[in-house]
């Protein structure tokens, strides 16, 4: 299912705006969602299936935490951590885009995700973007589409998927999913992959969503035919 969002939505008689044309070079698809959503699994499966068309941007948080970056819960540490993840995520995307200009980037998470983790006492999402010197709108514009994998925690299921750096409880994962959904759903090309009791069916749905968007972007890159 897809969802379009407009700041003017809700005004009687207004038609939703036409989304801007996506880039045909260096296009980016953000794969995001709360912990335990299956996005990393879907990204890896799709890359294996169609490696000549896409390039995967790994999750910055996993790289940092897996490399020994400290993980603490106090507000000062949280701010420093999310600032670091934001910078690494941006750099990873830009490096991959420059290295593979003809391929579509599948980004495991995106630069907006840190806003859901930013301490409430420091302004929450708004404080995150202010600290980073950017805005939600500017970061949404980095991506041509967003595919949101809803966390299994929203359905009361375990999120233990074998990721050694994941530390969120089921309740924390569900709350993060809600915060991330509120932010990312404002993208003009937003696709929700809802929680399903069957992980196989969910991943199948998610892979179909990725395939559809990648096909659209590839057709645009090839230009008119005939």
N, C-alpha and C. Protein backbone atom coordinates (compact mmCIF):
# COMPACT_ATOMS: atom_id res chain seq x y z
N UNK A 1 0.85 -1.17 0.00
CA UNK A 1 0.00 0.00 0.00
C UNK A 1 0.88 1.22 0.00
N UNK A 2 0.45 2.27 -0.64
CA UNK A 2 1.24 3.49 -0.70
C UNK A 2 0.47 4.61 -0.07
N UNK A 3 1.21 5.63 0.31
CA UNK A 3 0.58 6.75 1.01
C UNK A 3 1.26 8.02 0.58
N UNK A 4 0.49 8.99 0.12
CA UNK A 4 1.05 10.30 -0.22
C UNK A 4 0.71 11.26 0.88
N UNK A 5 1.62 12.16 1.16
CA UNK A 5 1.40 13.11 2.24
C UNK A 5 1.63 14.51 1.70
N UNK A 6 0.85 15.45 2.14
CA UNK A 6 1.04 16.85 1.76
C UNK A 6 0.78 17.71 2.97
N UNK A 7 1.57 18.79 3.10
CA UNK A 7 1.34 19.71 4.21
C UNK A 7 -0.01 20.38 4.08
N UNK A 8 -0.57 20.37 2.85
CA UNK A 8 -1.87 20.98 2.62
C UNK A 8 -3.00 19.98 2.76
N UNK A 9 -2.66 18.72 3.04
CA UNK A 9 -3.69 17.70 3.15
C UNK A 9 -4.69 18.09 4.22
N UNK A 10 -5.95 17.82 3.93
CA UNK A 10 -6.99 18.13 4.90
C UNK A 10 -7.72 19.40 4.57
N UNK A 11 -7.19 20.21 3.62
CA UNK A 11 -7.91 21.40 3.20
C UNK A 11 -8.94 20.99 2.15
N UNK A 12 -10.19 21.29 2.41
CA UNK A 12 -11.28 20.85 1.54
C UNK A 12 -11.06 21.31 0.11
N UNK A 13 -11.22 20.37 -0.83
CA UNK A 13 -11.15 20.69 -2.24
C UNK A 13 -9.76 20.65 -2.83
N UNK A 14 -8.73 20.50 -2.02
CA UNK A 14 -7.37 20.46 -2.53
C UNK A 14 -7.04 19.07 -3.06
N UNK A 15 -6.49 19.01 -4.27
CA UNK A 15 -6.02 17.74 -4.81
C UNK A 15 -4.60 17.51 -4.33
N UNK A 16 -4.21 16.25 -4.07
CA UNK A 16 -2.83 16.00 -3.63
C UNK A 16 -1.84 16.39 -4.71
N UNK A 17 -0.68 16.93 -4.34
CA UNK A 17 0.29 17.36 -5.34
C UNK A 17 0.91 16.17 -6.06
N UNK A 18 1.37 16.39 -7.28
CA UNK A 18 2.06 15.36 -8.04
C UNK A 18 3.48 15.25 -7.53
N UNK A 19 3.91 14.04 -7.14
CA UNK A 19 5.28 13.91 -6.63
C UNK A 19 6.29 14.33 -7.68
N UNK A 20 7.41 14.93 -7.27
CA UNK A 20 8.44 15.31 -8.23
C UNK A 20 9.04 14.10 -8.89
N UNK A 21 9.53 14.26 -10.10
CA UNK A 21 10.13 13.15 -10.83
C UNK A 21 11.38 12.67 -10.10
N UNK A 22 11.52 11.35 -9.90
CA UNK A 22 12.72 10.84 -9.24
C UNK A 22 13.94 10.98 -10.12
N UNK A 23 15.11 10.99 -9.49
CA UNK A 23 16.35 11.03 -10.24
C UNK A 23 16.53 9.75 -11.04
N UNK A 24 17.12 9.85 -12.22
CA UNK A 24 17.39 8.67 -13.01
C UNK A 24 18.83 8.20 -12.82
N UNK A 25 19.68 9.02 -12.21
CA UNK A 25 21.04 8.62 -11.87
C UNK A 25 21.23 8.80 -10.37
N UNK A 26 21.81 7.81 -9.73
CA UNK A 26 22.04 7.90 -8.30
C UNK A 26 20.77 7.90 -7.48
N UNK A 27 19.70 7.29 -8.00
CA UNK A 27 18.44 7.24 -7.27
C UNK A 27 18.63 6.45 -5.97
N UNK A 28 17.89 6.85 -4.95
CA UNK A 28 18.03 6.23 -3.63
C UNK A 28 16.68 5.77 -3.10
N UNK A 29 16.68 4.55 -2.58
CA UNK A 29 15.51 4.01 -1.93
C UNK A 29 15.88 3.74 -0.48
N UNK A 30 15.15 4.33 0.44
CA UNK A 30 15.39 4.09 1.86
C UNK A 30 14.54 2.92 2.32
N UNK A 31 15.20 1.93 2.90
CA UNK A 31 14.51 0.80 3.52
C UNK A 31 14.62 1.01 5.03
N UNK A 32 13.50 1.23 5.67
CA UNK A 32 13.55 1.59 7.08
C UNK A 32 12.40 0.95 7.84
N UNK A 33 12.24 1.32 9.09
CA UNK A 33 11.21 0.76 9.94
C UNK A 33 11.78 0.46 11.32
N UNK A 34 10.92 0.09 12.24
CA UNK A 34 11.36 -0.22 13.59
C UNK A 34 12.22 -1.48 13.63
N UNK A 35 12.92 -1.70 14.75
CA UNK A 35 13.74 -2.91 14.89
C UNK A 35 12.93 -4.18 14.68
N UNK A 36 13.53 -5.15 14.00
CA UNK A 36 12.84 -6.42 13.79
C UNK A 36 11.79 -6.38 12.70
N UNK A 37 12.00 -5.52 11.70
CA UNK A 37 11.03 -5.41 10.61
C UNK A 37 11.35 -6.28 9.40
N UNK A 38 12.59 -6.70 9.28
CA UNK A 38 12.96 -7.54 8.14
C UNK A 38 13.59 -6.80 6.98
N UNK A 39 13.85 -5.51 7.15
CA UNK A 39 14.38 -4.72 6.04
C UNK A 39 15.76 -5.18 5.60
N UNK A 40 16.63 -5.51 6.55
CA UNK A 40 17.99 -5.93 6.20
C UNK A 40 17.96 -7.25 5.44
N UNK A 41 17.10 -8.16 5.86
CA UNK A 41 16.94 -9.43 5.16
C UNK A 41 16.46 -9.20 3.74
N UNK A 42 15.44 -8.34 3.58
CA UNK A 42 14.90 -8.05 2.25
C UNK A 42 15.95 -7.40 1.36
N UNK A 43 16.70 -6.46 1.90
CA UNK A 43 17.72 -5.77 1.11
C UNK A 43 18.77 -6.74 0.61
N UNK A 44 19.22 -7.64 1.48
CA UNK A 44 20.26 -8.60 1.09
C UNK A 44 19.73 -9.58 0.05
N UNK A 45 18.52 -10.07 0.22
CA UNK A 45 17.93 -10.99 -0.75
C UNK A 45 17.78 -10.32 -2.11
N UNK A 46 17.33 -9.07 -2.11
CA UNK A 46 17.12 -8.38 -3.37
C UNK A 46 18.45 -8.09 -4.06
N UNK A 47 19.46 -7.72 -3.28
CA UNK A 47 20.78 -7.47 -3.87
C UNK A 47 21.33 -8.73 -4.53
N UNK A 48 21.13 -9.86 -3.92
CA UNK A 48 21.61 -11.13 -4.48
C UNK A 48 20.87 -11.46 -5.78
N UNK A 49 19.58 -11.09 -5.82
CA UNK A 49 18.76 -11.41 -6.99
C UNK A 49 19.03 -10.48 -8.17
N UNK A 50 19.32 -9.21 -7.87
CA UNK A 50 19.43 -8.21 -8.93
C UNK A 50 20.63 -7.31 -8.68
N UNK A 51 21.78 -7.91 -8.50
CA UNK A 51 22.97 -7.16 -8.13
C UNK A 51 23.47 -6.19 -9.17
N UNK A 52 23.11 -6.39 -10.45
CA UNK A 52 23.63 -5.50 -11.49
C UNK A 52 22.87 -4.19 -11.58
N UNK A 53 21.76 -4.07 -10.86
CA UNK A 53 20.96 -2.85 -10.95
C UNK A 53 21.02 -2.02 -9.68
N UNK A 54 21.36 -2.64 -8.56
CA UNK A 54 21.33 -1.93 -7.29
C UNK A 54 22.63 -2.11 -6.54
N UNK A 55 22.87 -1.22 -5.59
CA UNK A 55 24.01 -1.34 -4.68
C UNK A 55 23.49 -1.09 -3.27
N UNK A 56 23.93 -1.89 -2.33
CA UNK A 56 23.42 -1.79 -0.96
C UNK A 56 24.27 -0.84 -0.13
N UNK A 57 23.62 0.06 0.58
CA UNK A 57 24.29 0.92 1.56
C UNK A 57 24.02 0.31 2.93
N UNK A 58 25.03 -0.21 3.61
CA UNK A 58 24.80 -0.89 4.88
C UNK A 58 24.33 0.06 5.97
N UNK A 59 23.76 -0.50 7.02
CA UNK A 59 23.26 0.30 8.13
C UNK A 59 24.42 0.87 8.94
N UNK A 60 24.47 2.19 9.05
CA UNK A 60 25.57 2.85 9.74
C UNK A 60 25.65 2.45 11.21
N UNK A 61 24.49 2.35 11.87
CA UNK A 61 24.49 2.02 13.30
C UNK A 61 25.11 0.65 13.56
N UNK A 62 24.79 -0.32 12.72
CA UNK A 62 25.35 -1.66 12.89
C UNK A 62 26.86 -1.64 12.69
N UNK A 63 27.34 -0.89 11.71
CA UNK A 63 28.78 -0.78 11.48
C UNK A 63 29.48 -0.17 12.70
N UNK A 64 28.90 0.90 13.25
CA UNK A 64 29.52 1.57 14.39
C UNK A 64 29.50 0.70 15.64
N UNK A 65 28.33 0.19 15.98
CA UNK A 65 28.23 -0.61 17.21
C UNK A 65 29.00 -1.92 17.09
N UNK A 66 28.97 -2.50 15.89
CA UNK A 66 29.71 -3.73 15.68
C UNK A 66 31.21 -3.53 15.74
N UNK A 67 31.65 -2.29 15.51
CA UNK A 67 33.08 -1.97 15.56
C UNK A 67 33.56 -1.51 16.91
N UNK A 68 32.68 -1.54 17.91
CA UNK A 68 33.08 -1.18 19.26
C UNK A 68 32.66 0.19 19.71
N UNK A 69 31.86 0.92 18.92
CA UNK A 69 31.38 2.24 19.34
C UNK A 69 30.55 2.06 20.61
N UNK A 70 30.79 2.86 21.65
CA UNK A 70 30.07 2.65 22.92
C UNK A 70 28.58 2.93 22.78
N UNK A 71 27.79 2.18 23.49
CA UNK A 71 26.34 2.33 23.45
C UNK A 71 25.83 2.54 24.86
N UNK A 72 25.47 3.80 25.15
CA UNK A 72 24.98 4.15 26.48
C UNK A 72 23.63 4.83 26.36
N UNK A 73 22.91 4.87 27.47
CA UNK A 73 21.53 5.35 27.43
C UNK A 73 21.34 6.77 27.92
N UNK A 74 22.37 7.40 28.50
CA UNK A 74 22.19 8.77 29.00
C UNK A 74 22.05 9.73 27.83
N UNK A 75 21.44 10.88 28.08
CA UNK A 75 21.11 11.82 27.01
C UNK A 75 22.33 12.31 26.25
N UNK A 76 23.40 12.65 26.95
CA UNK A 76 24.59 13.16 26.28
C UNK A 76 25.18 12.12 25.34
N UNK A 77 25.24 10.86 25.80
CA UNK A 77 25.76 9.79 24.95
C UNK A 77 24.85 9.55 23.76
N UNK A 78 23.54 9.62 23.99
CA UNK A 78 22.58 9.41 22.91
C UNK A 78 22.75 10.47 21.82
N UNK A 79 22.92 11.72 22.23
CA UNK A 79 23.11 12.79 21.25
C UNK A 79 24.38 12.56 20.43
N UNK A 80 25.46 12.21 21.11
CA UNK A 80 26.73 11.98 20.42
C UNK A 80 26.61 10.79 19.46
N UNK A 81 25.94 9.75 19.92
CA UNK A 81 25.79 8.54 19.10
C UNK A 81 24.98 8.82 17.85
N UNK A 82 23.84 9.47 18.01
CA UNK A 82 22.99 9.72 16.84
C UNK A 82 23.62 10.72 15.88
N UNK A 83 24.40 11.65 16.40
CA UNK A 83 25.12 12.58 15.52
C UNK A 83 26.16 11.82 14.69
N UNK A 84 26.84 10.87 15.33
CA UNK A 84 27.84 10.06 14.63
C UNK A 84 27.18 9.19 13.56
N UNK A 85 26.07 8.56 13.91
CA UNK A 85 25.36 7.69 12.96
C UNK A 85 24.88 8.51 11.76
N UNK A 86 24.35 9.70 12.02
CA UNK A 86 23.88 10.57 10.93
C UNK A 86 25.02 10.87 9.96
N UNK A 87 26.18 11.25 10.50
CA UNK A 87 27.31 11.61 9.64
C UNK A 87 27.80 10.41 8.84
N UNK A 88 27.88 9.26 9.48
CA UNK A 88 28.35 8.06 8.78
C UNK A 88 27.33 7.63 7.72
N UNK A 89 26.04 7.70 8.04
CA UNK A 89 25.01 7.31 7.07
C UNK A 89 25.09 8.19 5.83
N UNK A 90 25.19 9.48 6.02
CA UNK A 90 25.31 10.40 4.89
C UNK A 90 26.54 10.09 4.05
N UNK A 91 27.67 9.88 4.72
CA UNK A 91 28.92 9.61 4.01
C UNK A 91 28.83 8.30 3.23
N UNK A 92 28.27 7.26 3.84
CA UNK A 92 28.13 5.98 3.15
C UNK A 92 27.29 6.12 1.88
N UNK A 93 26.18 6.82 1.99
CA UNK A 93 25.31 7.01 0.83
C UNK A 93 26.04 7.78 -0.27
N UNK A 94 26.74 8.84 0.10
CA UNK A 94 27.42 9.67 -0.90
C UNK A 94 28.58 8.93 -1.55
N UNK A 95 29.29 8.12 -0.76
CA UNK A 95 30.40 7.33 -1.32
C UNK A 95 29.87 6.30 -2.31
N UNK A 96 28.83 5.59 -1.93
CA UNK A 96 28.28 4.57 -2.82
C UNK A 96 27.68 5.20 -4.07
N UNK A 97 27.05 6.35 -3.91
CA UNK A 97 26.48 7.04 -5.06
C UNK A 97 27.55 7.48 -6.04
N UNK A 98 28.67 7.99 -5.52
CA UNK A 98 29.77 8.42 -6.38
C UNK A 98 30.48 7.23 -7.02
N UNK A 99 30.56 6.12 -6.30
CA UNK A 99 31.26 4.94 -6.80
C UNK A 99 30.44 4.17 -7.83
N UNK A 100 29.12 4.22 -7.68
CA UNK A 100 28.23 3.47 -8.57
C UNK A 100 27.12 4.39 -9.10
N UNK A 101 27.49 5.38 -9.91
CA UNK A 101 26.50 6.38 -10.34
C UNK A 101 25.36 5.83 -11.19
N UNK A 102 25.55 4.67 -11.81
CA UNK A 102 24.51 4.12 -12.67
C UNK A 102 23.57 3.19 -11.92
N UNK A 103 23.89 2.89 -10.67
CA UNK A 103 23.06 1.94 -9.93
C UNK A 103 22.13 2.66 -8.96
N UNK A 104 21.07 1.97 -8.61
CA UNK A 104 20.12 2.48 -7.63
C UNK A 104 20.59 2.06 -6.24
N UNK A 105 20.62 3.01 -5.31
CA UNK A 105 21.05 2.70 -3.96
C UNK A 105 19.89 2.16 -3.13
N UNK A 106 20.11 1.00 -2.50
CA UNK A 106 19.19 0.50 -1.50
C UNK A 106 19.82 0.81 -0.15
N UNK A 107 19.25 1.77 0.55
CA UNK A 107 19.84 2.25 1.80
C UNK A 107 19.19 1.55 2.99
N UNK A 108 20.00 0.78 3.73
CA UNK A 108 19.51 0.12 4.94
C UNK A 108 19.44 1.18 6.03
N UNK A 109 18.24 1.71 6.23
CA UNK A 109 17.94 2.90 7.02
C UNK A 109 18.37 4.16 6.27
N UNK A 110 18.10 5.32 6.89
CA UNK A 110 18.41 6.58 6.24
C UNK A 110 18.75 7.65 7.26
N UNK A 111 19.02 8.85 6.78
CA UNK A 111 19.50 9.92 7.65
C UNK A 111 18.43 10.43 8.62
N UNK A 112 17.19 10.08 8.40
CA UNK A 112 16.10 10.56 9.27
C UNK A 112 15.95 9.71 10.52
N UNK A 113 16.44 8.49 10.50
CA UNK A 113 16.15 7.55 11.58
C UNK A 113 16.58 8.05 12.96
N UNK A 114 17.68 8.77 13.02
CA UNK A 114 18.18 9.25 14.30
C UNK A 114 17.21 10.14 15.03
N UNK A 115 16.28 10.78 14.31
CA UNK A 115 15.31 11.66 14.95
C UNK A 115 14.41 10.90 15.91
N UNK A 116 14.17 9.61 15.64
CA UNK A 116 13.32 8.82 16.52
C UNK A 116 14.03 8.44 17.81
N UNK A 117 15.35 8.52 17.82
CA UNK A 117 16.14 8.14 18.99
C UNK A 117 16.60 9.35 19.81
N UNK A 118 16.43 10.56 19.27
CA UNK A 118 16.93 11.76 19.93
C UNK A 118 16.18 11.99 21.23
N UNK A 119 16.87 12.37 22.32
CA UNK A 119 16.20 12.54 23.62
C UNK A 119 15.07 13.56 23.58
N UNK A 120 13.96 13.21 24.20
CA UNK A 120 12.81 14.11 24.24
C UNK A 120 13.15 15.41 24.95
N UNK A 121 14.01 15.34 25.98
CA UNK A 121 14.37 16.55 26.73
C UNK A 121 15.22 17.50 25.91
N UNK A 122 15.73 17.03 24.78
CA UNK A 122 16.53 17.88 23.89
C UNK A 122 15.78 18.22 22.61
N UNK A 123 14.47 18.15 22.68
CA UNK A 123 13.66 18.60 21.55
C UNK A 123 13.16 17.51 20.63
N UNK A 124 13.46 16.25 20.93
CA UNK A 124 12.97 15.17 20.08
C UNK A 124 13.44 15.31 18.65
N UNK A 125 12.55 15.03 17.71
CA UNK A 125 12.90 15.06 16.29
C UNK A 125 13.39 16.44 15.86
N UNK A 126 12.70 17.49 16.30
CA UNK A 126 13.11 18.84 15.91
C UNK A 126 14.52 19.14 16.41
N UNK A 127 14.81 18.73 17.63
CA UNK A 127 16.15 18.93 18.18
C UNK A 127 17.21 18.21 17.38
N UNK A 128 16.88 17.01 16.89
CA UNK A 128 17.82 16.23 16.08
C UNK A 128 18.17 16.98 14.80
N UNK A 129 17.17 17.44 14.08
CA UNK A 129 17.42 18.12 12.81
C UNK A 129 18.14 19.44 13.02
N UNK A 130 17.79 20.15 14.09
CA UNK A 130 18.47 21.41 14.40
C UNK A 130 19.94 21.15 14.70
N UNK A 131 20.22 20.13 15.49
CA UNK A 131 21.60 19.80 15.83
C UNK A 131 22.41 19.41 14.59
N UNK A 132 21.75 18.73 13.65
CA UNK A 132 22.43 18.28 12.44
C UNK A 132 22.53 19.38 11.38
N UNK A 133 21.90 20.52 11.63
CA UNK A 133 21.94 21.61 10.67
C UNK A 133 21.14 21.34 9.41
N UNK A 134 20.02 20.63 9.56
CA UNK A 134 19.21 20.28 8.41
C UNK A 134 17.74 20.31 8.81
N UNK A 135 16.87 19.83 7.95
CA UNK A 135 15.44 19.76 8.22
C UNK A 135 14.90 18.41 7.77
N UNK A 136 13.73 18.07 8.27
CA UNK A 136 13.08 16.84 7.83
C UNK A 136 12.86 16.87 6.32
N UNK A 137 12.42 18.01 5.81
CA UNK A 137 12.13 18.12 4.39
C UNK A 137 13.38 17.89 3.54
N UNK A 138 14.50 18.46 3.98
CA UNK A 138 15.74 18.31 3.23
C UNK A 138 16.21 16.86 3.22
N UNK A 139 16.05 16.16 4.33
CA UNK A 139 16.49 14.77 4.39
C UNK A 139 15.54 13.85 3.62
N UNK A 140 14.25 14.12 3.65
CA UNK A 140 13.32 13.35 2.84
C UNK A 140 13.66 13.47 1.36
N UNK A 141 14.11 14.66 0.96
CA UNK A 141 14.43 14.91 -0.45
C UNK A 141 15.66 14.14 -0.93
N UNK A 142 16.43 13.58 -0.01
CA UNK A 142 17.59 12.77 -0.41
C UNK A 142 17.17 11.46 -1.05
N UNK A 143 15.93 11.04 -0.81
CA UNK A 143 15.48 9.72 -1.24
C UNK A 143 14.35 9.84 -2.27
N UNK A 144 14.38 8.94 -3.24
CA UNK A 144 13.35 8.94 -4.28
C UNK A 144 12.15 8.09 -3.90
N UNK A 145 12.32 7.23 -2.93
CA UNK A 145 11.22 6.40 -2.44
C UNK A 145 11.60 5.87 -1.07
N UNK A 146 10.58 5.51 -0.29
CA UNK A 146 10.78 4.96 1.05
C UNK A 146 9.92 3.71 1.17
N UNK A 147 10.55 2.60 1.58
CA UNK A 147 9.82 1.37 1.85
C UNK A 147 9.98 1.07 3.33
N UNK A 148 8.87 1.09 4.03
CA UNK A 148 8.87 1.00 5.49
C UNK A 148 8.43 -0.39 5.93
N UNK A 149 9.36 -1.13 6.58
CA UNK A 149 9.07 -2.46 7.09
C UNK A 149 8.63 -2.35 8.55
N UNK A 150 7.36 -2.53 8.78
CA UNK A 150 6.81 -2.38 10.14
C UNK A 150 7.39 -3.46 11.06
N UNK A 151 7.76 -3.06 12.25
CA UNK A 151 8.37 -3.97 13.21
C UNK A 151 7.41 -5.08 13.64
N UNK A 152 7.96 -6.28 13.82
CA UNK A 152 7.16 -7.39 14.34
C UNK A 152 6.64 -7.08 15.74
N UNK A 153 7.33 -6.15 16.43
CA UNK A 153 6.91 -5.79 17.79
C UNK A 153 5.52 -5.15 17.80
N UNK A 154 5.12 -4.53 16.70
CA UNK A 154 3.79 -3.90 16.65
C UNK A 154 2.69 -4.95 16.69
N UNK A 155 3.04 -6.19 16.35
CA UNK A 155 2.08 -7.29 16.41
C UNK A 155 2.28 -8.18 17.61
N UNK A 156 3.09 -7.70 18.56
CA UNK A 156 3.32 -8.46 19.77
C UNK A 156 4.25 -9.64 19.60
N UNK A 157 5.04 -9.65 18.52
CA UNK A 157 5.94 -10.77 18.25
C UNK A 157 7.38 -10.42 18.60
N UNK A 158 8.19 -11.42 18.81
CA UNK A 158 9.59 -11.23 19.16
C UNK A 158 10.35 -10.56 18.03
N UNK A 159 11.32 -9.71 18.38
CA UNK A 159 12.15 -9.07 17.37
C UNK A 159 13.56 -9.64 17.39
N UNK A 160 13.76 -10.73 18.07
CA UNK A 160 15.08 -11.34 18.15
C UNK A 160 15.40 -12.03 16.83
N UNK A 161 16.17 -11.32 16.00
CA UNK A 161 16.51 -11.87 14.69
C UNK A 161 17.97 -12.21 14.55
N UNK A 162 18.69 -12.23 15.64
CA UNK A 162 20.09 -12.63 15.58
C UNK A 162 21.06 -11.49 15.38
N UNK A 163 20.58 -10.25 15.42
CA UNK A 163 21.48 -9.10 15.29
C UNK A 163 22.12 -8.84 16.65
N UNK A 164 23.43 -9.05 16.80
CA UNK A 164 24.06 -8.94 18.11
C UNK A 164 24.11 -7.53 18.67
N UNK A 165 23.92 -6.50 17.82
CA UNK A 165 24.00 -5.13 18.33
C UNK A 165 22.62 -4.56 18.67
N UNK A 166 21.56 -5.34 18.47
CA UNK A 166 20.22 -4.86 18.79
C UNK A 166 19.99 -4.99 20.29
N UNK A 167 19.51 -3.91 20.91
CA UNK A 167 19.31 -3.94 22.36
C UNK A 167 17.91 -3.54 22.78
N UNK A 168 17.03 -3.17 21.84
CA UNK A 168 15.70 -2.70 22.20
C UNK A 168 14.81 -3.83 22.69
N UNK A 169 13.98 -3.50 23.66
CA UNK A 169 12.96 -4.44 24.10
C UNK A 169 11.82 -4.42 23.09
N UNK A 170 10.88 -5.33 23.24
CA UNK A 170 9.73 -5.38 22.33
C UNK A 170 8.94 -4.07 22.40
N UNK A 171 8.73 -3.56 23.61
CA UNK A 171 7.97 -2.32 23.78
C UNK A 171 8.72 -1.14 23.17
N UNK A 172 10.04 -1.08 23.39
CA UNK A 172 10.83 0.00 22.82
C UNK A 172 10.81 -0.05 21.30
N UNK A 173 10.86 -1.25 20.75
CA UNK A 173 10.84 -1.40 19.29
C UNK A 173 9.53 -0.90 18.71
N UNK A 174 8.42 -1.20 19.38
CA UNK A 174 7.12 -0.75 18.90
C UNK A 174 7.01 0.78 18.95
N UNK A 175 7.52 1.38 20.02
CA UNK A 175 7.48 2.84 20.13
C UNK A 175 8.36 3.50 19.06
N UNK A 176 9.53 2.93 18.81
CA UNK A 176 10.41 3.46 17.77
C UNK A 176 9.76 3.33 16.40
N UNK A 177 9.07 2.23 16.17
CA UNK A 177 8.37 2.03 14.90
C UNK A 177 7.35 3.14 14.67
N UNK A 178 6.60 3.47 15.71
CA UNK A 178 5.60 4.54 15.59
C UNK A 178 6.25 5.88 15.27
N UNK A 179 7.36 6.19 15.94
CA UNK A 179 8.04 7.46 15.71
C UNK A 179 8.60 7.53 14.29
N UNK A 180 9.21 6.44 13.86
CA UNK A 180 9.79 6.41 12.51
C UNK A 180 8.70 6.51 11.45
N UNK A 181 7.59 5.84 11.69
CA UNK A 181 6.48 5.88 10.73
C UNK A 181 5.95 7.30 10.58
N UNK A 182 5.83 8.02 11.69
CA UNK A 182 5.32 9.39 11.64
C UNK A 182 6.23 10.29 10.81
N UNK A 183 7.53 10.04 10.84
CA UNK A 183 8.49 10.85 10.09
C UNK A 183 8.54 10.45 8.62
N UNK A 184 8.79 9.18 8.37
CA UNK A 184 9.01 8.72 6.99
C UNK A 184 7.75 8.73 6.13
N UNK A 185 6.58 8.59 6.75
CA UNK A 185 5.34 8.56 5.97
C UNK A 185 5.03 9.89 5.32
N UNK A 186 5.80 10.92 5.65
CA UNK A 186 5.61 12.22 5.00
C UNK A 186 6.27 12.29 3.62
N UNK A 187 6.99 11.23 3.24
CA UNK A 187 7.59 11.20 1.91
C UNK A 187 6.51 10.98 0.86
N UNK A 188 6.68 11.62 -0.30
CA UNK A 188 5.67 11.52 -1.35
C UNK A 188 5.56 10.12 -1.95
N UNK A 189 6.64 9.38 -1.90
CA UNK A 189 6.61 7.99 -2.41
C UNK A 189 6.91 7.04 -1.24
N UNK A 190 5.90 6.80 -0.46
CA UNK A 190 6.03 6.00 0.75
C UNK A 190 5.24 4.70 0.58
N UNK A 191 5.90 3.59 0.83
CA UNK A 191 5.24 2.28 0.75
C UNK A 191 5.38 1.59 2.10
N UNK A 192 4.27 1.15 2.65
CA UNK A 192 4.26 0.45 3.92
C UNK A 192 4.22 -1.06 3.69
N UNK A 193 5.17 -1.76 4.30
CA UNK A 193 5.15 -3.22 4.33
C UNK A 193 4.67 -3.59 5.73
N UNK A 194 3.39 -3.89 5.89
CA UNK A 194 2.83 -4.08 7.23
C UNK A 194 3.28 -5.37 7.89
N UNK A 195 3.19 -5.39 9.20
CA UNK A 195 3.50 -6.60 9.95
C UNK A 195 2.55 -7.71 9.54
N UNK A 196 3.09 -8.92 9.38
CA UNK A 196 2.29 -10.11 9.11
C UNK A 196 2.75 -11.21 10.04
N UNK A 197 1.82 -12.09 10.42
CA UNK A 197 2.19 -13.20 11.28
C UNK A 197 3.20 -14.11 10.59
N UNK A 198 3.11 -14.18 9.25
CA UNK A 198 4.05 -14.96 8.47
C UNK A 198 5.19 -14.07 7.98
N UNK A 199 6.40 -14.30 8.47
CA UNK A 199 7.55 -13.52 8.03
C UNK A 199 7.81 -13.73 6.55
N UNK A 200 7.61 -14.96 6.07
CA UNK A 200 7.81 -15.26 4.65
C UNK A 200 6.89 -14.41 3.78
N UNK A 201 5.61 -14.32 4.16
CA UNK A 201 4.67 -13.52 3.37
C UNK A 201 5.03 -12.03 3.43
N UNK A 202 5.49 -11.59 4.58
CA UNK A 202 5.89 -10.18 4.71
C UNK A 202 7.08 -9.87 3.81
N UNK A 203 8.10 -10.71 3.85
CA UNK A 203 9.28 -10.49 3.03
C UNK A 203 8.93 -10.57 1.55
N UNK A 204 8.05 -11.49 1.19
CA UNK A 204 7.61 -11.60 -0.21
C UNK A 204 6.94 -10.30 -0.66
N UNK A 205 6.09 -9.76 0.21
CA UNK A 205 5.43 -8.48 -0.09
C UNK A 205 6.46 -7.37 -0.22
N UNK A 206 7.42 -7.34 0.71
CA UNK A 206 8.45 -6.30 0.68
C UNK A 206 9.32 -6.38 -0.55
N UNK A 207 9.71 -7.59 -0.94
CA UNK A 207 10.53 -7.77 -2.13
C UNK A 207 9.78 -7.31 -3.38
N UNK A 208 8.49 -7.59 -3.44
CA UNK A 208 7.69 -7.14 -4.57
C UNK A 208 7.63 -5.62 -4.63
N UNK A 209 7.54 -4.98 -3.46
CA UNK A 209 7.52 -3.51 -3.42
C UNK A 209 8.84 -2.95 -3.91
N UNK A 210 9.96 -3.53 -3.45
CA UNK A 210 11.27 -3.06 -3.91
C UNK A 210 11.40 -3.26 -5.41
N UNK A 211 11.01 -4.44 -5.89
CA UNK A 211 11.12 -4.75 -7.32
C UNK A 211 10.33 -3.76 -8.17
N UNK A 212 9.14 -3.41 -7.72
CA UNK A 212 8.29 -2.49 -8.47
C UNK A 212 8.93 -1.10 -8.58
N UNK A 213 9.45 -0.60 -7.47
CA UNK A 213 10.05 0.73 -7.48
C UNK A 213 11.35 0.74 -8.28
N UNK A 214 12.17 -0.29 -8.11
CA UNK A 214 13.42 -0.37 -8.88
C UNK A 214 13.12 -0.42 -10.37
N UNK A 215 12.09 -1.17 -10.77
CA UNK A 215 11.72 -1.25 -12.18
C UNK A 215 11.31 0.12 -12.72
N UNK A 216 10.56 0.87 -11.92
CA UNK A 216 10.16 2.22 -12.34
C UNK A 216 11.38 3.11 -12.56
N UNK A 217 12.31 3.07 -11.62
CA UNK A 217 13.49 3.92 -11.71
C UNK A 217 14.39 3.50 -12.88
N UNK A 218 14.47 2.21 -13.15
CA UNK A 218 15.28 1.74 -14.27
C UNK A 218 14.68 2.19 -15.60
N UNK A 219 13.35 2.14 -15.68
CA UNK A 219 12.70 2.60 -16.93
C UNK A 219 12.96 4.08 -17.16
N UNK A 220 12.92 4.87 -16.09
CA UNK A 220 13.20 6.29 -16.22
C UNK A 220 14.65 6.52 -16.65
N UNK A 221 15.56 5.70 -16.11
CA UNK A 221 16.97 5.85 -16.45
C UNK A 221 17.23 5.52 -17.92
N UNK A 222 16.46 4.59 -18.48
CA UNK A 222 16.64 4.20 -19.87
C UNK A 222 16.05 5.22 -20.84
N UNK A 223 15.13 6.05 -20.34
CA UNK A 223 14.53 7.07 -21.17
C UNK A 223 13.47 6.50 -22.09
N UNK A 224 12.86 7.36 -22.93
CA UNK A 224 11.81 6.92 -23.84
C UNK A 224 12.35 5.94 -24.87
N UNK A 225 11.53 4.98 -25.24
CA UNK A 225 11.90 3.99 -26.25
C UNK A 225 10.96 4.04 -27.41
N UNK A 226 11.38 3.43 -28.50
CA UNK A 226 10.51 3.36 -29.66
C UNK A 226 10.64 4.55 -30.57
